[in-house]
Amino acid sequence: MKALFWVFVAIFCVYVFYTGAMTVWSYLEVTGVVEEVVIERASRVDRNERATRIRDEIAKKVAQSGIKVDERSVSVSDQGPTLDVGVRWSWPLITYQGDDLLSLPLKHERTFNIPAR
């Protein structure tokens, strides 16, 4: 009985480590996508449509990387020389039959200085 208990403790520890590692991966992935898209698109796109295009591109690339995010959870605000970007998503900790029973809410917010063309 004692051995079975320690097997379950070991399995739980491995699961906690795996879930934590995947959560950190998702944060780093979103951070990388945001920086890549803003650096790539901000100075090339006309200011009138810059925020909309960057928001759509971030939502598309984050979804392609396997992280569940919709367009409403990505916000981009154009303040002239700066661009405020925010992304909110949840990383599932416990999933049962395709439903997320427990998820960890995460967010990434950053302000970028946009150089003039």
PDB file of N, CA and C in Angstrom:
ATOM      1  N   MET A   1       0.821  -1.199   0.000  1.00  0.00           N
ATOM      2  CA  MET A   1       0.000   0.000   0.000  1.00  0.00           C
ATOM      3  C   MET A   1       0.864   1.261   0.000  1.00  0.00           C
ATOM      4  N   LYS A   2       1.977   1.207   0.772  1.00  0.00           N
ATOM      5  CA  LYS A   2       2.872   2.350   0.822  1.00  0.00           C
ATOM      6  C   LYS A   2       3.509   2.616  -0.543  1.00  0.00           C
ATOM      7  N   ALA A   3       3.874   1.560  -1.239  1.00  0.00           N
ATOM      8  CA  ALA A   3       4.501   1.715  -2.553  1.00  0.00           C
ATOM      9  C   ALA A   3       3.527   2.339  -3.550  1.00  0.00           C
ATOM     10  N   LEU A   4       2.269   1.940  -3.501  1.00  0.00           N
ATOM     11  CA  LEU A   4       1.259   2.502  -4.384  1.00  0.00           C
ATOM     12  C   LEU A   4       1.070   4.000  -4.125  1.00  0.00           C
ATOM     13  N   PHE A   5       1.084   4.374  -2.856  1.00  0.00           N
ATOM     14  CA  PHE A   5       0.975   5.786  -2.489  1.00  0.00           C
ATOM     15  C   PHE A   5       2.118   6.585  -3.111  1.00  0.00           C
ATOM     16  N   TRP A   6       3.349   6.092  -2.994  1.00  0.00           N
ATOM     17  CA  TRP A   6       4.497   6.812  -3.524  1.00  0.00           C
ATOM     18  C   TRP A   6       4.505   6.837  -5.052  1.00  0.00           C
ATOM     19  N   VAL A   7       3.939   5.815  -5.667  1.00  0.00           N
ATOM     20  CA  VAL A   7       3.797   5.835  -7.123  1.00  0.00           C
ATOM     21  C   VAL A   7       2.850   6.962  -7.527  1.00  0.00           C
ATOM     22  N   PHE A   8       1.737   7.108  -6.809  1.00  0.00           N
ATOM     23  CA  PHE A   8       0.801   8.202  -7.113  1.00  0.00           C
ATOM     24  C   PHE A   8       1.424   9.569  -6.837  1.00  0.00           C
ATOM     25  N   VAL A   9       2.211   9.682  -5.779  1.00  0.00           N
ATOM     26  CA  VAL A   9       2.901  10.942  -5.493  1.00  0.00           C
ATOM     27  C   VAL A   9       3.879  11.267  -6.618  1.00  0.00           C
ATOM     28  N   ALA A  10       4.612  10.282  -7.100  1.00  0.00           N
ATOM     29  CA  ALA A  10       5.563  10.503  -8.193  1.00  0.00           C
ATOM     30  C   ALA A  10       4.838  10.914  -9.473  1.00  0.00           C
ATOM     31  N   ILE A  11       3.723  10.242  -9.773  1.00  0.00           N
ATOM     32  CA  ILE A  11       2.936  10.602 -10.963  1.00  0.00           C
ATOM     33  C   ILE A  11       2.407  12.028 -10.841  1.00  0.00           C
ATOM     34  N   PHE A  12       1.936  12.399  -9.665  1.00  0.00           N
ATOM     35  CA  PHE A  12       1.439  13.754  -9.433  1.00  0.00           C
ATOM     36  C   PHE A  12       2.558  14.776  -9.620  1.00  0.00           C
ATOM     37  N   CYS A  13       3.741  14.504  -9.106  1.00  0.00           N
ATOM     38  CA  CYS A  13       4.869  15.429  -9.253  1.00  0.00           C
ATOM     39  C   CYS A  13       5.261  15.603 -10.715  1.00  0.00           C
ATOM     40  N   VAL A  14       5.290  14.510 -11.453  1.00  0.00           N
ATOM     41  CA  VAL A  14       5.613  14.588 -12.882  1.00  0.00           C
ATOM     42  C   VAL A  14       4.549  15.401 -13.612  1.00  0.00           C
ATOM     43  N   TYR A  15       3.269  15.194 -13.275  1.00  0.00           N
ATOM     44  CA  TYR A  15       2.185  15.941 -13.918  1.00  0.00           C
ATOM     45  C   TYR A  15       2.289  17.433 -13.608  1.00  0.00           C
ATOM     46  N   VAL A  16       2.592  17.773 -12.364  1.00  0.00           N
ATOM     47  CA  VAL A  16       2.732  19.183 -11.984  1.00  0.00           C
ATOM     48  C   VAL A  16       3.904  19.808 -12.740  1.00  0.00           C
ATOM     49  N   PHE A  17       5.014  19.108 -12.830  1.00  0.00           N
ATOM     50  CA  PHE A  17       6.161  19.625 -13.568  1.00  0.00           C
ATOM     51  C   PHE A  17       5.822  19.817 -15.049  1.00  0.00           C
ATOM     52  N   TYR A  18       5.167  18.838 -15.659  1.00  0.00           N
ATOM     53  CA  TYR A  18       4.799  18.921 -17.071  1.00  0.00           C
ATOM     54  C   TYR A  18       3.843  20.095 -17.314  1.00  0.00           C
ATOM     55  N   THR A  19       2.839  20.225 -16.467  1.00  0.00           N
ATOM     56  CA  THR A  19       1.868  21.309 -16.634  1.00  0.00           C
ATOM     57  C   THR A  19       2.539  22.668 -16.460  1.00  0.00           C
ATOM     58  N   GLY A  20       3.414  22.785 -15.485  1.00  0.00           N
ATOM     59  CA  GLY A  20       4.140  24.040 -15.287  1.00  0.00           C
ATOM     60  C   GLY A  20       5.030  24.371 -16.472  1.00  0.00           C
ATOM     61  N   ALA A  21       5.710  23.363 -16.993  1.00  0.00           N
ATOM     62  CA  ALA A  21       6.582  23.586 -18.151  1.00  0.00           C
ATOM     63  C   ALA A  21       5.773  24.015 -19.367  1.00  0.00           C
ATOM     64  N   MET A  22       4.627  23.398 -19.591  1.00  0.00           N
ATOM     65  CA  MET A  22       3.793  23.767 -20.733  1.00  0.00           C
ATOM     66  C   MET A  22       3.190  25.169 -20.560  1.00  0.00           C
ATOM     67  N   THR A  23       2.893  25.541 -19.334  1.00  0.00           N
ATOM     68  CA  THR A  23       2.380  26.888 -19.080  1.00  0.00           C
ATOM     69  C   THR A  23       3.453  27.927 -19.398  1.00  0.00           C
ATOM     70  N   VAL A  24       4.674  27.679 -18.946  1.00  0.00           N
ATOM     71  CA  VAL A  24       5.778  28.589 -19.250  1.00  0.00           C
ATOM     72  C   VAL A  24       6.021  28.631 -20.756  1.00  0.00           C
ATOM     73  N   TRP A  25       5.948  27.478 -21.431  1.00  0.00           N
ATOM     74  CA  TRP A  25       6.118  27.452 -22.878  1.00  0.00           C
ATOM     75  C   TRP A  25       5.065  28.322 -23.561  1.00  0.00           C
ATOM     76  N   SER A  26       3.805  28.216 -23.115  1.00  0.00           N
ATOM     77  CA  SER A  26       2.757  28.999 -23.764  1.00  0.00           C
ATOM     78  C   SER A  26       3.001  30.493 -23.578  1.00  0.00           C
ATOM     79  N   TYR A  27       3.468  30.888 -22.396  1.00  0.00           N
ATOM     80  CA  TYR A  27       3.760  32.302 -22.159  1.00  0.00           C
ATOM     81  C   TYR A  27       4.898  32.773 -23.065  1.00  0.00           C
ATOM     82  N   LEU A  28       5.956  31.995 -23.138  1.00  0.00           N
ATOM     83  CA  LEU A  28       7.087  32.370 -23.988  1.00  0.00           C
ATOM     84  C   LEU A  28       6.694  32.383 -25.464  1.00  0.00           C
ATOM     85  N   GLU A  29       5.841  31.475 -25.870  1.00  0.00           N
ATOM     86  CA  GLU A  29       5.375  31.434 -27.255  1.00  0.00           C
ATOM     87  C   GLU A  29       4.563  32.692 -27.601  1.00  0.00           C
ATOM     88  N   VAL A  30       3.649  33.071 -26.723  1.00  0.00           N
ATOM     89  CA  VAL A  30       2.842  34.276 -26.961  1.00  0.00           C
ATOM     90  C   VAL A  30       3.732  35.506 -26.975  1.00  0.00           C
ATOM     91  N   THR A  31       4.668  35.595 -26.051  1.00  0.00           N
ATOM     92  CA  THR A  31       5.590  36.729 -26.008  1.00  0.00           C
ATOM     93  C   THR A  31       6.385  36.829 -27.308  1.00  0.00           C
ATOM     94  N   GLY A  32       6.875  35.706 -27.792  1.00  0.00           N
ATOM     95  CA  GLY A  32       7.632  35.704 -29.040  1.00  0.00           C
ATOM     96  C   GLY A  32       6.799  36.094 -30.239  1.00  0.00           C
ATOM     97  N   VAL A  33       5.573  35.600 -30.294  1.00  0.00           N
ATOM     98  CA  VAL A  33       4.687  35.942 -31.412  1.00  0.00           C
ATOM     99  C   VAL A  33       4.377  37.433 -31.408  1.00  0.00           C
ATOM    100  N   VAL A  34       4.079  37.986 -30.250  1.00  0.00           N
ATOM    101  CA  VAL A  34       3.761  39.418 -30.156  1.00  0.00           C
ATOM    102  C   VAL A  34       4.946  40.252 -30.625  1.00  0.00           C
ATOM    103  N   GLU A  35       6.130  39.952 -30.126  1.00  0.00           N
ATOM    104  CA  GLU A  35       7.298  40.727 -30.535  1.00  0.00           C
ATOM    105  C   GLU A  35       7.581  40.584 -32.028  1.00  0.00           C
ATOM    106  N   GLU A  36       7.470  39.365 -32.534  1.00  0.00           N
ATOM    107  CA  GLU A  36       7.737  39.127 -33.957  1.00  0.00           C
ATOM    108  C   GLU A  36       6.762  39.894 -34.845  1.00  0.00           C
ATOM    109  N   VAL A  37       5.487  39.829 -34.529  1.00  0.00           N
ATOM    110  CA  VAL A  37       4.483  40.485 -35.371  1.00  0.00           C
ATOM    111  C   VAL A  37       4.616  42.001 -35.297  1.00  0.00           C
ATOM    112  N   VAL A  38       4.805  42.547 -34.105  1.00  0.00           N
ATOM    113  CA  VAL A  38       4.904  44.005 -33.983  1.00  0.00           C
ATOM    114  C   VAL A  38       6.149  44.518 -34.698  1.00  0.00           C
ATOM    115  N   ILE A  39       7.271  43.854 -34.513  1.00  0.00           N
ATOM    116  CA  ILE A  39       8.497  44.306 -35.177  1.00  0.00           C
ATOM    117  C   ILE A  39       8.368  44.183 -36.693  1.00  0.00           C
ATOM    118  N   GLU A  40       7.737  43.109 -37.140  1.00  0.00           N
ATOM    119  CA  GLU A  40       7.605  42.866 -38.576  1.00  0.00           C
ATOM    120  C   GLU A  40       6.590  43.786 -39.237  1.00  0.00           C
ATOM    121  N   ARG A  41       5.464  44.055 -38.588  1.00  0.00           N
ATOM    122  CA  ARG A  41       4.347  44.746 -39.242  1.00  0.00           C
ATOM    123  C   ARG A  41       4.193  46.223 -38.878  1.00  0.00           C
ATOM    124  N   ALA A  42       4.669  46.651 -37.740  1.00  0.00           N
ATOM    125  CA  ALA A  42       4.326  47.989 -37.244  1.00  0.00           C
ATOM    126  C   ALA A  42       4.778  49.108 -38.158  1.00  0.00           C
ATOM    127  N   SER A  43       5.977  49.041 -38.657  1.00  0.00           N
ATOM    128  CA  SER A  43       6.463  50.150 -39.484  1.00  0.00           C
ATOM    129  C   SER A  43       6.063  50.012 -40.947  1.00  0.00           C
ATOM    130  N   ARG A  44       5.572  48.851 -41.351  1.00  0.00           N
ATOM    131  CA  ARG A  44       5.199  48.634 -42.758  1.00  0.00           C
ATOM    132  C   ARG A  44       3.753  48.992 -43.073  1.00  0.00           C
ATOM    133  N   VAL A  45       2.896  48.940 -42.071  1.00  0.00           N
ATOM    134  CA  VAL A  45       1.464  49.121 -42.297  1.00  0.00           C
ATOM    135  C   VAL A  45       1.085  50.576 -42.040  1.00  0.00           C
ATOM    136  N   ASP A  46       0.120  51.062 -42.805  1.00  0.00           N
ATOM    137  CA  ASP A  46      -0.390  52.420 -42.622  1.00  0.00           C
ATOM    138  C   ASP A  46      -0.981  52.566 -41.229  1.00  0.00           C
ATOM    139  N   ARG A  47      -0.791  53.710 -40.611  1.00  0.00           N
ATOM    140  CA  ARG A  47      -1.208  53.930 -39.227  1.00  0.00           C
ATOM    141  C   ARG A  47      -2.704  53.732 -39.021  1.00  0.00           C
ATOM    142  N   ASN A  48      -3.526  54.026 -40.033  1.00  0.00           N
ATOM    143  CA  ASN A  48      -4.977  53.908 -39.889  1.00  0.00           C
ATOM    144  C   ASN A  48      -5.431  52.474 -39.664  1.00  0.00           C
ATOM    145  N   GLU A  49      -4.731  51.518 -40.220  1.00  0.00           N
ATOM    146  CA  GLU A  49      -5.139  50.121 -40.087  1.00  0.00           C
ATOM    147  C   GLU A  49      -4.107  49.275 -39.350  1.00  0.00           C
ATOM    148  N   ARG A  50      -3.125  49.914 -38.751  1.00  0.00           N
ATOM    149  CA  ARG A  50      -2.037  49.194 -38.084  1.00  0.00           C
ATOM    150  C   ARG A  50      -2.537  48.338 -36.925  1.00  0.00           C
ATOM    151  N   ALA A  51      -3.344  48.878 -36.053  1.00  0.00           N
ATOM    152  CA  ALA A  51      -3.806  48.140 -34.871  1.00  0.00           C
ATOM    153  C   ALA A  51      -4.641  46.916 -35.264  1.00  0.00           C
ATOM    154  N   THR A  52      -5.519  47.087 -36.219  1.00  0.00           N
ATOM    155  CA  THR A  52      -6.385  45.977 -36.641  1.00  0.00           C
ATOM    156  C   THR A  52      -5.580  44.856 -37.287  1.00  0.00           C
ATOM    157  N   ARG A  53      -4.678  45.197 -38.152  1.00  0.00           N
ATOM    158  CA  ARG A  53      -3.869  44.166 -38.832  1.00  0.00           C
ATOM    159  C   ARG A  53      -2.958  43.435 -37.856  1.00  0.00           C
ATOM    160  N   ILE A  54      -2.355  44.165 -36.950  1.00  0.00           N
ATOM    161  CA  ILE A  54      -1.469  43.527 -35.974  1.00  0.00           C
ATOM    162  C   ILE A  54      -2.271  42.618 -35.057  1.00  0.00           C
ATOM    163  N   ARG A  55      -3.446  43.059 -34.612  1.00  0.00           N
ATOM    164  CA  ARG A  55      -4.287  42.217 -33.754  1.00  0.00           C
ATOM    165  C   ARG A  55      -4.681  40.925 -34.469  1.00  0.00           C
ATOM    166  N   ASP A  56      -5.107  41.035 -35.705  1.00  0.00           N
ATOM    167  CA  ASP A  56      -5.500  39.847 -36.463  1.00  0.00           C
ATOM    168  C   ASP A  56      -4.328  38.895 -36.679  1.00  0.00           C
ATOM    169  N   GLU A  57      -3.170  39.440 -36.976  1.00  0.00           N
ATOM    170  CA  GLU A  57      -1.981  38.612 -37.205  1.00  0.00           C
ATOM    171  C   GLU A  57      -1.534  37.905 -35.921  1.00  0.00           C
ATOM    172  N   ILE A  58      -1.591  38.604 -34.791  1.00  0.00           N
ATOM    173  CA  ILE A  58      -1.224  37.980 -33.513  1.00  0.00           C
ATOM    174  C   ILE A  58      -2.189  36.849 -33.197  1.00  0.00           C
ATOM    175  N   ALA A  59      -3.484  37.090 -33.333  1.00  0.00           N
ATOM    176  CA  ALA A  59      -4.475  36.048 -33.039  1.00  0.00           C
ATOM    177  C   ALA A  59      -4.273  34.833 -33.929  1.00  0.00           C
ATOM    178  N   LYS A  60      -3.975  35.057 -35.194  1.00  0.00           N
ATOM    179  CA  LYS A  60      -3.780  33.952 -36.137  1.00  0.00           C
ATOM    180  C   LYS A  60      -2.535  33.143 -35.788  1.00  0.00           C
ATOM    181  N   LYS A  61      -1.419  33.807 -35.523  1.00  0.00           N
ATOM    182  CA  LYS A  61      -0.171  33.096 -35.239  1.00  0.00           C
ATOM    183  C   LYS A  61      -0.196  32.378 -33.894  1.00  0.00           C
ATOM    184  N   VAL A  62      -0.848  32.968 -32.902  1.00  0.00           N
ATOM    185  CA  VAL A  62      -0.956  32.298 -31.598  1.00  0.00           C
ATOM    186  C   VAL A  62      -1.818  31.046 -31.735  1.00  0.00           C
ATOM    187  N   ALA A  63      -2.907  31.137 -32.470  1.00  0.00           N
ATOM    188  CA  ALA A  63      -3.769  29.969 -32.685  1.00  0.00           C
ATOM    189  C   ALA A  63      -3.032  28.887 -33.469  1.00  0.00           C
ATOM    190  N   GLN A  64      -2.209  29.269 -34.427  1.00  0.00           N
ATOM    191  CA  GLN A  64      -1.434  28.294 -35.195  1.00  0.00           C
ATOM    192  C   GLN A  64      -0.419  27.565 -34.330  1.00  0.00           C
ATOM    193  N   SER A  65       0.040  28.200 -33.266  1.00  0.00           N
ATOM    194  CA  SER A  65       1.027  27.553 -32.407  1.00  0.00           C
ATOM    195  C   SER A  65       0.390  26.580 -31.416  1.00  0.00           C
ATOM    196  N   GLY A  66      -0.937  26.499 -31.406  1.00  0.00           N
ATOM    197  CA  GLY A  66      -1.616  25.519 -30.570  1.00  0.00           C
ATOM    198  C   GLY A  66      -2.193  26.069 -29.291  1.00  0.00           C
ATOM    199  N   ILE A  67      -2.201  27.370 -29.130  1.00  0.00           N
ATOM    200  CA  ILE A  67      -2.742  27.996 -27.922  1.00  0.00           C
ATOM    201  C   ILE A  67      -4.132  28.528 -28.249  1.00  0.00           C
ATOM    202  N   LYS A  68      -5.112  28.167 -27.423  1.00  0.00           N
ATOM    203  CA  LYS A  68      -6.488  28.600 -27.663  1.00  0.00           C
ATOM    204  C   LYS A  68      -6.628  30.073 -27.307  1.00  0.00           C
ATOM    205  N   VAL A  69      -6.879  30.881 -28.316  1.00  0.00           N
ATOM    206  CA  VAL A  69      -7.089  32.313 -28.115  1.00  0.00           C
ATOM    207  C   VAL A  69      -8.028  32.798 -29.218  1.00  0.00           C
ATOM    208  N   ASP A  70      -8.932  33.690 -28.871  1.00  0.00           N
ATOM    209  CA  ASP A  70      -9.804  34.262 -29.895  1.00  0.00           C
ATOM    210  C   ASP A  70      -9.446  35.731 -30.082  1.00  0.00           C
ATOM    211  N   GLU A  71     -10.018  36.335 -31.105  1.00  0.00           N
ATOM    212  CA  GLU A  71      -9.658  37.715 -31.445  1.00  0.00           C
ATOM    213  C   GLU A  71     -10.058  38.714 -30.362  1.00  0.00           C
ATOM    214  N   ARG A  72     -11.078  38.386 -29.576  1.00  0.00           N
ATOM    215  CA  ARG A  72     -11.505  39.313 -28.524  1.00  0.00           C
ATOM    216  C   ARG A  72     -10.511  39.401 -27.374  1.00  0.00           C
ATOM    217  N   SER A  73      -9.672  38.381 -27.215  1.00  0.00           N
ATOM    218  CA  SER A  73      -8.719  38.392 -26.115  1.00  0.00           C
ATOM    219  C   SER A  73      -7.374  39.012 -26.509  1.00  0.00           C
ATOM    220  N   VAL A  74      -7.287  39.494 -27.737  1.00  0.00           N
ATOM    221  CA  VAL A  74      -6.092  40.207 -28.192  1.00  0.00           C
ATOM    222  C   VAL A  74      -6.475  41.670 -28.378  1.00  0.00           C
ATOM    223  N   SER A  75      -5.769  42.564 -27.694  1.00  0.00           N
ATOM    224  CA  SER A  75      -6.073  43.989 -27.838  1.00  0.00           C
ATOM    225  C   SER A  75      -4.813  44.729 -28.280  1.00  0.00           C
ATOM    226  N   VAL A  76      -5.002  45.615 -29.242  1.00  0.00           N
ATOM    227  CA  VAL A  76      -3.912  46.444 -29.746  1.00  0.00           C
ATOM    228  C   VAL A  76      -4.437  47.863 -29.813  1.00  0.00           C
ATOM    229  N   SER A  77      -3.723  48.765 -29.163  1.00  0.00           N
ATOM    230  CA  SER A  77      -4.128  50.162 -29.129  1.00  0.00           C
ATOM    231  C   SER A  77      -3.008  51.013 -29.698  1.00  0.00           C
ATOM    232  N   ASP A  78      -3.337  51.786 -30.719  1.00  0.00           N
ATOM    233  CA  ASP A  78      -2.348  52.642 -31.383  1.00  0.00           C
ATOM    234  C   ASP A  78      -2.401  54.022 -30.743  1.00  0.00           C
ATOM    235  N   GLN A  79      -1.308  54.405 -30.095  1.00  0.00           N
ATOM    236  CA  GLN A  79      -1.236  55.696 -29.410  1.00  0.00           C
ATOM    237  C   GLN A  79      -0.290  56.659 -30.118  1.00  0.00           C
ATOM    238  N   GLY A  80      -0.168  56.529 -31.417  1.00  0.00           N
ATOM    239  CA  GLY A  80       0.745  57.384 -32.174  1.00  0.00           C
ATOM    240  C   GLY A  80       2.132  56.769 -32.217  1.00  0.00           C
ATOM    241  N   PRO A  81       3.070  57.295 -31.423  1.00  0.00           N
ATOM    242  CA  PRO A  81       4.423  56.729 -31.456  1.00  0.00           C
ATOM    243  C   PRO A  81       4.560  55.422 -30.671  1.00  0.00           C
ATOM    244  N   THR A  82       3.519  55.052 -29.930  1.00  0.00           N
ATOM    245  CA  THR A  82       3.577  53.797 -29.179  1.00  0.00           C
ATOM    246  C   THR A  82       2.416  52.892 -29.566  1.00  0.00           C
ATOM    247  N   LEU A  83       2.613  51.618 -29.306  1.00  0.00           N
ATOM    248  CA  LEU A  83       1.610  50.604 -29.607  1.00  0.00           C
ATOM    249  C   LEU A  83       1.470  49.736 -28.361  1.00  0.00           C
ATOM    250  N   ASP A  84       0.266  49.718 -27.773  1.00  0.00           N
ATOM    251  CA  ASP A  84       0.001  48.910 -26.584  1.00  0.00           C
ATOM    252  C   ASP A  84      -0.644  47.605 -27.025  1.00  0.00           C
ATOM    253  N   VAL A  85      -0.022  46.485 -26.643  1.00  0.00           N
ATOM    254  CA  VAL A  85      -0.498  45.164 -27.036  1.00  0.00           C
ATOM    255  C   VAL A  85      -0.781  44.362 -25.776  1.00  0.00           C
ATOM    256  N   GLY A  86      -1.947  43.713 -25.754  1.00  0.00           N
ATOM    257  CA  GLY A  86      -2.311  42.844 -24.643  1.00  0.00           C
ATOM    258  C   GLY A  86      -2.937  41.558 -25.165  1.00  0.00           C
ATOM    259  N   VAL A  87      -2.522  40.436 -24.597  1.00  0.00           N
ATOM    260  CA  VAL A  87      -3.076  39.131 -24.980  1.00  0.00           C
ATOM    261  C   VAL A  87      -3.459  38.410 -23.700  1.00  0.00           C
ATOM    262  N   ARG A  88      -4.677  37.889 -23.657  1.00  0.00           N
ATOM    263  CA  ARG A  88      -5.156  37.094 -22.521  1.00  0.00           C
ATOM    264  C   ARG A  88      -5.573  35.722 -23.030  1.00  0.00           C
ATOM    265  N   TRP A  89      -5.181  34.689 -22.274  1.00  0.00           N
ATOM    266  CA  TRP A  89      -5.558  33.324 -22.627  1.00  0.00           C
ATOM    267  C   TRP A  89      -5.543  32.488 -21.356  1.00  0.00           C
ATOM    268  N   SER A  90      -6.103  31.313 -21.443  1.00  0.00           N
ATOM    269  CA  SER A  90      -6.115  30.389 -20.314  1.00  0.00           C
ATOM    270  C   SER A  90      -5.405  29.110 -20.719  1.00  0.00           C
ATOM    271  N   TRP A  91      -4.543  28.624 -19.830  1.00  0.00           N
ATOM    272  CA  TRP A  91      -3.865  27.362 -20.093  1.00  0.00           C
ATOM    273  C   TRP A  91      -4.533  26.287 -19.249  1.00  0.00           C
ATOM    274  N   PRO A  92      -5.047  25.220 -19.870  1.00  0.00           N
ATOM    275  CA  PRO A  92      -5.773  24.194 -19.113  1.00  0.00           C
ATOM    276  C   PRO A  92      -4.835  23.390 -18.212  1.00  0.00           C
ATOM    277  N   LEU A  93      -5.215  23.286 -16.943  1.00  0.00           N
ATOM    278  CA  LEU A  93      -4.451  22.471 -15.999  1.00  0.00           C
ATOM    279  C   LEU A  93      -5.048  21.078 -15.867  1.00  0.00           C
ATOM    280  N   ILE A  94      -6.387  21.023 -15.821  1.00  0.00           N
ATOM    281  CA  ILE A  94      -7.088  19.747 -15.733  1.00  0.00           C
ATOM    282  C   ILE A  94      -8.159  19.718 -16.812  1.00  0.00           C
ATOM    283  N   THR A  95      -8.067  18.724 -17.680  1.00  0.00           N
ATOM    284  CA  THR A  95      -9.029  18.552 -18.768  1.00  0.00           C
ATOM    285  C   THR A  95      -9.651  17.174 -18.643  1.00  0.00           C
ATOM    286  N   TYR A  96     -10.984  17.131 -18.764  1.00  0.00           N
ATOM    287  CA  TYR A  96     -11.690  15.857 -18.705  1.00  0.00           C
ATOM    288  C   TYR A  96     -12.682  15.785 -19.846  1.00  0.00           C
ATOM    289  N   GLN A  97     -12.546  14.803 -20.707  1.00  0.00           N
ATOM    290  CA  GLN A  97     -13.397  14.576 -21.869  1.00  0.00           C
ATOM    291  C   GLN A  97     -13.530  15.826 -22.738  1.00  0.00           C
ATOM    292  N   GLY A  98     -12.425  16.496 -22.948  1.00  0.00           N
ATOM    293  CA  GLY A  98     -12.406  17.667 -23.821  1.00  0.00           C
ATOM    294  C   GLY A  98     -12.825  18.962 -23.169  1.00  0.00           C
ATOM    295  N   ASP A  99     -13.280  18.914 -21.919  1.00  0.00           N
ATOM    296  CA  ASP A  99     -13.676  20.128 -21.201  1.00  0.00           C
ATOM    297  C   ASP A  99     -12.575  20.518 -20.221  1.00  0.00           C
ATOM    298  N   ASP A 100     -12.260  21.814 -20.180  1.00  0.00           N
ATOM    299  CA  ASP A 100     -11.267  22.306 -19.229  1.00  0.00           C
ATOM    300  C   ASP A 100     -11.936  22.503 -17.874  1.00  0.00           C
ATOM    301  N   LEU A 101     -11.556  21.678 -16.907  1.00  0.00           N
ATOM    302  CA  LEU A 101     -12.123  21.792 -15.568  1.00  0.00           C
ATOM    303  C   LEU A 101     -11.416  22.858 -14.746  1.00  0.00           C
ATOM    304  N   LEU A 102     -10.124  22.992 -14.939  1.00  0.00           N
ATOM    305  CA  LEU A 102      -9.343  23.987 -14.219  1.00  0.00           C
ATOM    306  C   LEU A 102      -8.326  24.573 -15.174  1.00  0.00           C
ATOM    307  N   SER A 103      -8.317  25.903 -15.321  1.00  0.00           N
ATOM    308  CA  SER A 103      -7.356  26.554 -16.197  1.00  0.00           C
ATOM    309  C   SER A 103      -6.710  27.719 -15.474  1.00  0.00           C
ATOM    310  N   LEU A 104      -5.511  28.020 -15.900  1.00  0.00           N
ATOM    311  CA  LEU A 104      -4.736  29.107 -15.335  1.00  0.00           C
ATOM    312  C   LEU A 104      -4.820  30.303 -16.283  1.00  0.00           C
ATOM    313  N   PRO A 105      -5.405  31.422 -15.829  1.00  0.00           N
ATOM    314  CA  PRO A 105      -5.477  32.598 -16.709  1.00  0.00           C
ATOM    315  C   PRO A 105      -4.104  33.273 -16.800  1.00  0.00           C
ATOM    316  N   LEU A 106      -3.710  33.583 -18.004  1.00  0.00           N
ATOM    317  CA  LEU A 106      -2.427  34.227 -18.262  1.00  0.00           C
ATOM    318  C   LEU A 106      -2.645  35.473 -19.108  1.00  0.00           C
ATOM    319  N   LYS A 107      -1.713  36.416 -19.003  1.00  0.00           N
ATOM    320  CA  LYS A 107      -1.790  37.599 -19.861  1.00  0.00           C
ATOM    321  C   LYS A 107      -0.393  38.130 -20.119  1.00  0.00           C
ATOM    322  N   HIS A 108      -0.269  38.772 -21.260  1.00  0.00           N
ATOM    323  CA  HIS A 108       0.979  39.425 -21.644  1.00  0.00           C
ATOM    324  C   HIS A 108       0.610  40.809 -22.152  1.00  0.00           C
ATOM    325  N   GLU A 109       1.193  41.818 -21.540  1.00  0.00           N
ATOM    326  CA  GLU A 109       0.964  43.194 -21.967  1.00  0.00           C
ATOM    327  C   GLU A 109       2.307  43.872 -22.176  1.00  0.00           C
ATOM    328  N   ARG A 110       2.386  44.629 -23.242  1.00  0.00           N
ATOM    329  CA  ARG A 110       3.638  45.316 -23.539  1.00  0.00           C
ATOM    330  C   ARG A 110       3.360  46.550 -24.377  1.00  0.00           C
ATOM    331  N   THR A 111       4.173  47.570 -24.174  1.00  0.00           N
ATOM    332  CA  THR A 111       4.105  48.797 -24.964  1.00  0.00           C
ATOM    333  C   THR A 111       5.350  48.870 -25.837  1.00  0.00           C
ATOM    334  N   PHE A 112       5.135  49.074 -27.121  1.00  0.00           N
ATOM    335  CA  PHE A 112       6.233  49.159 -28.087  1.00  0.00           C
ATOM    336  C   PHE A 112       6.353  50.593 -28.581  1.00  0.00           C
ATOM    337  N   ASN A 113       7.561  51.082 -28.692  1.00  0.00           N
ATOM    338  CA  ASN A 113       7.814  52.363 -29.346  1.00  0.00           C
ATOM    339  C   ASN A 113       7.990  52.088 -30.834  1.00  0.00           C
ATOM    340  N   ILE A 114       7.192  52.776 -31.637  1.00  0.00           N
ATOM    341  CA  ILE A 114       7.207  52.544 -33.087  1.00  0.00           C
ATOM    342  C   ILE A 114       8.012  53.658 -33.741  1.00  0.00           C
ATOM    343  N   PRO A 115       9.091  53.288 -34.431  1.00  0.00           N
ATOM    344  CA  PRO A 115       9.857  54.322 -35.128  1.00  0.00           C
ATOM    345  C   PRO A 115       9.093  54.856 -36.330  1.00  0.00           C
ATOM    346  N   ALA A 116       9.359  56.102 -36.660  1.00  0.00           N
ATOM    347  CA  ALA A 116       8.735  56.686 -37.851  1.00  0.00           C
ATOM    348  C   ALA A 116       9.304  56.015 -39.092  1.00  0.00           C
ATOM    349  N   ARG A 117       8.521  56.051 -40.166  1.00  0.00           N
ATOM    350  CA  ARG A 117       8.951  55.398 -41.413  1.00  0.00           C
ATOM    351  C   ARG A 117      10.180  56.031 -41.971  1.00  0.00           C
TER     352      ARG A 117
END
